[in-house]
Protein backbone atom coordinates (compact mmCIF):
# COMPACT_ATOMS: atom_id res chain seq x y z
CA ARG A 1 116.38 125.59 101.82
CA ILE A 2 116.70 126.78 98.29
CA TYR A 3 113.22 125.80 97.10
CA GLY A 4 111.52 125.83 100.64
CA ALA A 5 108.77 123.40 100.61
CA LEU A 6 109.10 120.72 97.94
CA SER A 7 105.33 120.37 97.70
CA ARG A 8 105.43 121.99 94.16
CA CYS A 9 108.81 120.51 93.00
CA CYS A 10 109.77 117.55 90.89
CA VAL A 11 112.74 115.72 92.35
CA VAL A 12 114.79 113.46 90.18
CA VAL A 13 117.19 110.98 91.84
CA VAL A 14 119.61 109.17 89.61
CA GLY A 15 120.73 105.96 91.04
CA ALA A 16 118.79 103.34 93.27
CA GLY A 17 121.55 101.80 95.26
CA GLU A 18 122.34 102.48 98.81
CA THR A 19 123.10 106.04 98.54
CA GLY A 20 120.35 106.62 96.08
CA ARG A 21 118.02 105.09 98.38
CA LEU A 22 119.04 107.44 101.08
CA LEU A 23 118.70 110.51 98.90
CA ALA A 24 115.32 109.18 97.70
CA GLN A 25 114.00 108.57 101.31
CA HIS A 26 115.18 112.14 102.28
CA PHE A 27 113.41 113.69 99.50
CA ALA A 28 110.28 111.63 99.93
CA GLY A 29 110.03 112.63 103.57
CA HIS A 30 109.67 116.49 102.35
CA TYR A 31 106.55 115.30 100.08
CA PRO A 32 107.71 116.69 96.66
CA GLN A 33 105.01 117.02 94.03
CA ARG A 34 106.74 114.45 91.96
CA LEU A 35 109.46 112.09 92.95
CA VAL A 36 111.27 110.20 90.07
CA VAL A 37 113.93 107.46 90.52
CA LEU A 38 116.09 106.41 87.55
CA ASN A 39 118.47 103.59 87.37
CA ARG A 40 120.38 101.51 84.91
CA SER A 41 118.15 98.64 86.14
CA ILE A 42 114.62 99.91 85.71
CA GLU A 43 113.41 96.90 88.08
CA LYS A 44 115.65 98.62 90.87
CA ALA A 45 114.20 101.76 90.17
CA GLN A 46 110.63 100.50 90.17
CA ALA A 47 111.28 98.75 93.47
CA LEU A 48 112.38 101.94 95.24
CA ALA A 49 109.87 104.15 93.69
CA ARG A 50 107.04 101.83 94.60
CA GLU A 51 108.30 101.80 98.20
CA LEU A 52 108.28 105.70 98.26
CA GLY A 53 105.27 106.43 96.39
CA GLY A 54 107.25 107.67 93.43
CA GLU A 55 107.68 106.84 89.75
CA ALA A 56 110.54 104.77 87.93
CA HIS A 57 112.08 105.62 84.62
CA PRO A 58 114.95 104.10 82.81
CA LEU A 59 118.18 105.92 82.67
CA ASP A 60 117.73 106.98 79.12
CA GLN A 61 114.89 109.29 79.96
CA LEU A 62 117.28 111.60 81.96
CA PRO A 63 117.40 114.27 79.27
CA GLU A 64 113.56 114.77 79.19
CA LEU A 65 113.19 114.76 82.87
CA LEU A 66 116.00 117.14 83.37
CA ARG A 67 113.60 119.65 81.34
CA VAL A 68 110.98 119.52 84.24
CA ALA A 69 113.09 118.71 87.40
CA ASN A 70 113.68 121.17 90.14
CA VAL A 71 116.01 119.35 92.11
CA VAL A 72 118.33 116.47 90.72
CA ALA A 73 120.47 114.43 92.88
CA THR A 74 122.72 111.78 91.61
CA ALA A 75 124.18 108.83 93.34
CA VAL A 76 126.04 106.85 90.67
CA ARG A 77 129.16 104.62 90.65
CA SER A 78 131.24 105.15 87.47
């Protein structure tokens, strides 16, 4: 609701586990301009991003992606 249509937004999802998958699927259903999945395991991020038509990056790229993100959703276990 805050951003209206996400078609011009960059959405970053941190975490590719069960909750991260649900978040990414939700946002992908709103067709953002860019959907980025980050995870400690790049392989897991790549699998989820490939499934949803997004892109995957390692977790250490979070600082750079925060500069361009309109929406950031986190789903990590600490």
